[in-house]
Amino acid sequence: MAIYRMLAKITQYISEAVLRIFGPNDDAYPIIGVQPFTGEPFKEGMADVW
């Protein structure tokens, strides 16, 4: 009986992971379109600073 419970838990664990990966997207991001870039452009001379 313990083997049956262990196999059931393993199966449930794997099936939940598969459903999470391949299921519908549950992100609640608003659909706002493309946002303009407001940062600083990359400068070639700054690569040596890091």
PDB file of N, CA and C in Angstrom:
ATOM      1  N   MET A   1       0.820  -1.183   0.000  1.00  0.00           N
ATOM      2  CA  MET A   1       0.000   0.000   0.000  1.00  0.00           C
ATOM      3  C   MET A   1       0.870   1.256   0.000  1.00  0.00           C
ATOM      4  N   ALA A   2       2.007   1.232   0.665  1.00  0.00           N
ATOM      5  CA  ALA A   2       2.897   2.398   0.708  1.00  0.00           C
ATOM      6  C   ALA A   2       3.484   2.690  -0.669  1.00  0.00           C
ATOM      7  N   ILE A   3       3.744   1.638  -1.432  1.00  0.00           N
ATOM      8  CA  ILE A   3       4.281   1.825  -2.777  1.00  0.00           C
ATOM      9  C   ILE A   3       3.240   2.510  -3.654  1.00  0.00           C
ATOM     10  N   TYR A   4       1.969   2.136  -3.499  1.00  0.00           N
ATOM     11  CA  TYR A   4       0.898   2.752  -4.270  1.00  0.00           C
ATOM     12  C   TYR A   4       0.797   4.245  -3.957  1.00  0.00           C
ATOM     13  N   ARG A   5       0.866   4.606  -2.691  1.00  0.00           N
ATOM     14  CA  ARG A   5       0.795   6.024  -2.302  1.00  0.00           C
ATOM     15  C   ARG A   5       1.993   6.802  -2.828  1.00  0.00           C
ATOM     16  N   MET A   6       3.158   6.197  -2.757  1.00  0.00           N
ATOM     17  CA  MET A   6       4.363   6.857  -3.247  1.00  0.00           C
ATOM     18  C   MET A   6       4.268   7.077  -4.762  1.00  0.00           C
ATOM     19  N   LEU A   7       3.825   6.080  -5.510  1.00  0.00           N
ATOM     20  CA  LEU A   7       3.656   6.230  -6.954  1.00  0.00           C
ATOM     21  C   LEU A   7       2.584   7.273  -7.279  1.00  0.00           C
ATOM     22  N   ALA A   8       1.528   7.318  -6.489  1.00  0.00           N
ATOM     23  CA  ALA A   8       0.478   8.316  -6.710  1.00  0.00           C
ATOM     24  C   ALA A   8       1.016   9.724  -6.467  1.00  0.00           C
ATOM     25  N   LYS A   9       1.828   9.916  -5.438  1.00  0.00           N
ATOM     26  CA  LYS A   9       2.408  11.237  -5.155  1.00  0.00           C
ATOM     27  C   LYS A   9       3.387  11.655  -6.247  1.00  0.00           C
ATOM     28  N   ILE A  10       4.195  10.722  -6.715  1.00  0.00           N
ATOM     29  CA  ILE A  10       5.145  11.012  -7.783  1.00  0.00           C
ATOM     30  C   ILE A  10       4.403  11.382  -9.061  1.00  0.00           C
ATOM     31  N   THR A  11       3.362  10.621  -9.390  1.00  0.00           N
ATOM     32  CA  THR A  11       2.572  10.907 -10.580  1.00  0.00           C
ATOM     33  C   THR A  11       1.906  12.270 -10.481  1.00  0.00           C
ATOM     34  N   GLN A  12       1.370  12.597  -9.323  1.00  0.00           N
ATOM     35  CA  GLN A  12       0.727  13.898  -9.125  1.00  0.00           C
ATOM     36  C   GLN A  12       1.754  15.022  -9.252  1.00  0.00           C
ATOM     37  N   TYR A  13       2.915  14.846  -8.672  1.00  0.00           N
ATOM     38  CA  TYR A  13       3.976  15.856  -8.734  1.00  0.00           C
ATOM     39  C   TYR A  13       4.384  16.126 -10.175  1.00  0.00           C
ATOM     40  N   ILE A  14       4.595  15.075 -10.950  1.00  0.00           N
ATOM     41  CA  ILE A  14       5.024  15.226 -12.337  1.00  0.00           C
ATOM     42  C   ILE A  14       3.907  15.819 -13.193  1.00  0.00           C
ATOM     43  N   SER A  15       2.664  15.362 -12.982  1.00  0.00           N
ATOM     44  CA  SER A  15       1.570  15.880 -13.802  1.00  0.00           C
ATOM     45  C   SER A  15       1.299  17.359 -13.497  1.00  0.00           C
ATOM     46  N   GLU A  16       1.441  17.783 -12.243  1.00  0.00           N
ATOM     47  CA  GLU A  16       1.277  19.203 -11.921  1.00  0.00           C
ATOM     48  C   GLU A  16       2.356  20.045 -12.586  1.00  0.00           C
ATOM     49  N   ALA A  17       3.574  19.524 -12.638  1.00  0.00           N
ATOM     50  CA  ALA A  17       4.657  20.248 -13.299  1.00  0.00           C
ATOM     51  C   ALA A  17       4.392  20.365 -14.796  1.00  0.00           C
ATOM     52  N   VAL A  18       3.935  19.305 -15.410  1.00  0.00           N
ATOM     53  CA  VAL A  18       3.638  19.330 -16.843  1.00  0.00           C
ATOM     54  C   VAL A  18       2.500  20.305 -17.130  1.00  0.00           C
ATOM     55  N   LEU A  19       1.469  20.283 -16.304  1.00  0.00           N
ATOM     56  CA  LEU A  19       0.365  21.225 -16.498  1.00  0.00           C
ATOM     57  C   LEU A  19       0.817  22.666 -16.305  1.00  0.00           C
ATOM     58  N   ARG A  20       1.719  22.895 -15.374  1.00  0.00           N
ATOM     59  CA  ARG A  20       2.223  24.260 -15.137  1.00  0.00           C
ATOM     60  C   ARG A  20       3.040  24.752 -16.331  1.00  0.00           C
ATOM     61  N   ILE A  21       3.833  23.866 -16.920  1.00  0.00           N
ATOM     62  CA  ILE A  21       4.677  24.251 -18.047  1.00  0.00           C
ATOM     63  C   ILE A  21       3.853  24.442 -19.319  1.00  0.00           C
ATOM     64  N   PHE A  22       2.965  23.499 -19.618  1.00  0.00           N
ATOM     65  CA  PHE A  22       2.254  23.507 -20.890  1.00  0.00           C
ATOM     66  C   PHE A  22       0.831  24.045 -20.794  1.00  0.00           C
ATOM     67  N   GLY A  23       0.411  24.461 -19.612  1.00  0.00           N
ATOM     68  CA  GLY A  23      -0.928  24.994 -19.436  1.00  0.00           C
ATOM     69  C   GLY A  23      -1.036  26.421 -19.941  1.00  0.00           C
ATOM     70  N   PRO A  24      -2.244  26.971 -19.880  1.00  0.00           N
ATOM     71  CA  PRO A  24      -2.420  28.356 -20.331  1.00  0.00           C
ATOM     72  C   PRO A  24      -1.651  29.328 -19.438  1.00  0.00           C
ATOM     73  N   ASN A  25      -1.298  30.443 -20.012  1.00  0.00           N
ATOM     74  CA  ASN A  25      -0.528  31.453 -19.308  1.00  0.00           C
ATOM     75  C   ASN A  25      -1.412  32.136 -18.267  1.00  0.00           C
ATOM     76  N   ASP A  26      -0.943  32.225 -17.030  1.00  0.00           N
ATOM     77  CA  ASP A  26      -1.739  32.843 -15.976  1.00  0.00           C
ATOM     78  C   ASP A  26      -1.138  34.161 -15.494  1.00  0.00           C
ATOM     79  N   ASP A  27      -0.274  34.752 -16.310  1.00  0.00           N
ATOM     80  CA  ASP A  27       0.292  36.045 -15.962  1.00  0.00           C
ATOM     81  C   ASP A  27      -0.779  37.123 -16.080  1.00  0.00           C
ATOM     82  N   ALA A  28      -0.760  38.082 -15.197  1.00  0.00           N
ATOM     83  CA  ALA A  28      -1.765  39.139 -15.191  1.00  0.00           C
ATOM     84  C   ALA A  28      -1.165  40.462 -15.648  1.00  0.00           C
ATOM     85  N   TYR A  29      -0.335  40.412 -16.678  1.00  0.00           N
ATOM     86  CA  TYR A  29       0.265  41.629 -17.187  1.00  0.00           C
ATOM     87  C   TYR A  29      -0.762  42.405 -18.005  1.00  0.00           C
ATOM     88  N   PRO A  30      -0.840  43.713 -17.845  1.00  0.00           N
ATOM     89  CA  PRO A  30      -1.777  44.483 -18.663  1.00  0.00           C
ATOM     90  C   PRO A  30      -1.286  44.587 -20.106  1.00  0.00           C
ATOM     91  N   ILE A  31      -2.217  44.613 -21.017  1.00  0.00           N
ATOM     92  CA  ILE A  31      -1.867  44.745 -22.429  1.00  0.00           C
ATOM     93  C   ILE A  31      -1.797  46.235 -22.730  1.00  0.00           C
ATOM     94  N   ILE A  32      -0.579  46.779 -22.733  1.00  0.00           N
ATOM     95  CA  ILE A  32      -0.417  48.218 -22.900  1.00  0.00           C
ATOM     96  C   ILE A  32       0.392  48.569 -24.135  1.00  0.00           C
ATOM     97  N   GLY A  33       0.882  47.602 -24.850  1.00  0.00           N
ATOM     98  CA  GLY A  33       1.621  47.878 -26.063  1.00  0.00           C
ATOM     99  C   GLY A  33       3.100  48.107 -25.817  1.00  0.00           C
ATOM    100  N   VAL A  34       3.771  48.581 -26.851  1.00  0.00           N
ATOM    101  CA  VAL A  34       5.211  48.800 -26.806  1.00  0.00           C
ATOM    102  C   VAL A  34       5.494  50.090 -26.036  1.00  0.00           C
ATOM    103  N   GLN A  35       6.472  50.034 -25.150  1.00  0.00           N
ATOM    104  CA  GLN A  35       6.852  51.201 -24.372  1.00  0.00           C
ATOM    105  C   GLN A  35       8.132  51.790 -24.952  1.00  0.00           C
ATOM    106  N   PRO A  36       8.263  53.103 -24.975  1.00  0.00           N
ATOM    107  CA  PRO A  36       9.484  53.723 -25.504  1.00  0.00           C
ATOM    108  C   PRO A  36      10.674  53.474 -24.578  1.00  0.00           C
ATOM    109  N   PHE A  37      11.842  53.418 -25.160  1.00  0.00           N
ATOM    110  CA  PHE A  37      13.068  53.212 -24.397  1.00  0.00           C
ATOM    111  C   PHE A  37      13.450  54.525 -23.718  1.00  0.00           C
ATOM    112  N   THR A  38      13.647  54.498 -22.402  1.00  0.00           N
ATOM    113  CA  THR A  38      13.975  55.723 -21.677  1.00  0.00           C
ATOM    114  C   THR A  38      15.347  55.649 -21.014  1.00  0.00           C
ATOM    115  N   GLY A  39      16.127  54.617 -21.303  1.00  0.00           N
ATOM    116  CA  GLY A  39      17.435  54.463 -20.674  1.00  0.00           C
ATOM    117  C   GLY A  39      18.546  55.098 -21.485  1.00  0.00           C
ATOM    118  N   GLU A  40      19.753  54.841 -21.058  1.00  0.00           N
ATOM    119  CA  GLU A  40      20.934  55.358 -21.738  1.00  0.00           C
ATOM    120  C   GLU A  40      21.396  54.351 -22.781  1.00  0.00           C
ATOM    121  N   PRO A  41      21.762  54.807 -23.997  1.00  0.00           N
ATOM    122  CA  PRO A  41      22.278  53.881 -25.008  1.00  0.00           C
ATOM    123  C   PRO A  41      23.671  53.379 -24.611  1.00  0.00           C
ATOM    124  N   PHE A  42      24.034  52.225 -25.129  1.00  0.00           N
ATOM    125  CA  PHE A  42      25.333  51.619 -24.846  1.00  0.00           C
ATOM    126  C   PHE A  42      26.439  52.427 -25.504  1.00  0.00           C
ATOM    127  N   LYS A  43      27.491  52.691 -24.759  1.00  0.00           N
ATOM    128  CA  LYS A  43      28.657  53.397 -25.303  1.00  0.00           C
ATOM    129  C   LYS A  43      29.830  52.448 -25.323  1.00  0.00           C
ATOM    130  N   GLU A  44      30.541  52.403 -26.425  1.00  0.00           N
ATOM    131  CA  GLU A  44      31.656  51.467 -26.586  1.00  0.00           C
ATOM    132  C   GLU A  44      32.723  51.643 -25.526  1.00  0.00           C
ATOM    133  N   GLY A  45      33.062  52.840 -25.139  1.00  0.00           N
ATOM    134  CA  GLY A  45      34.116  53.105 -24.173  1.00  0.00           C
ATOM    135  C   GLY A  45      33.763  52.637 -22.769  1.00  0.00           C
ATOM    136  N   MET A  46      32.508  52.416 -22.471  1.00  0.00           N
ATOM    137  CA  MET A  46      32.088  52.027 -21.135  1.00  0.00           C
ATOM    138  C   MET A  46      32.314  50.540 -20.856  1.00  0.00           C
ATOM    139  N   ALA A  47      32.609  49.754 -21.868  1.00  0.00           N
ATOM    140  CA  ALA A  47      32.816  48.322 -21.676  1.00  0.00           C
ATOM    141  C   ALA A  47      34.053  48.051 -20.810  1.00  0.00           C
ATOM    142  N   ASP A  48      35.038  48.936 -20.839  1.00  0.00           N
ATOM    143  CA  ASP A  48      36.261  48.736 -20.070  1.00  0.00           C
ATOM    144  C   ASP A  48      36.061  49.044 -18.585  1.00  0.00           C
ATOM    145  N   VAL A  49      35.004  49.758 -18.243  1.00  0.00           N
ATOM    146  CA  VAL A  49      34.756  50.134 -16.850  1.00  0.00           C
ATOM    147  C   VAL A  49      34.416  48.911 -16.021  1.00  0.00           C
ATOM    148  N   TRP A  50      33.676  47.994 -16.572  1.00  0.00           N
ATOM    149  CA  TRP A  50      33.235  46.817 -15.818  1.00  0.00           C
ATOM    150  C   TRP A  50      34.394  45.897 -15.673  1.00  0.00           C
TER     151      TRP A  50
END
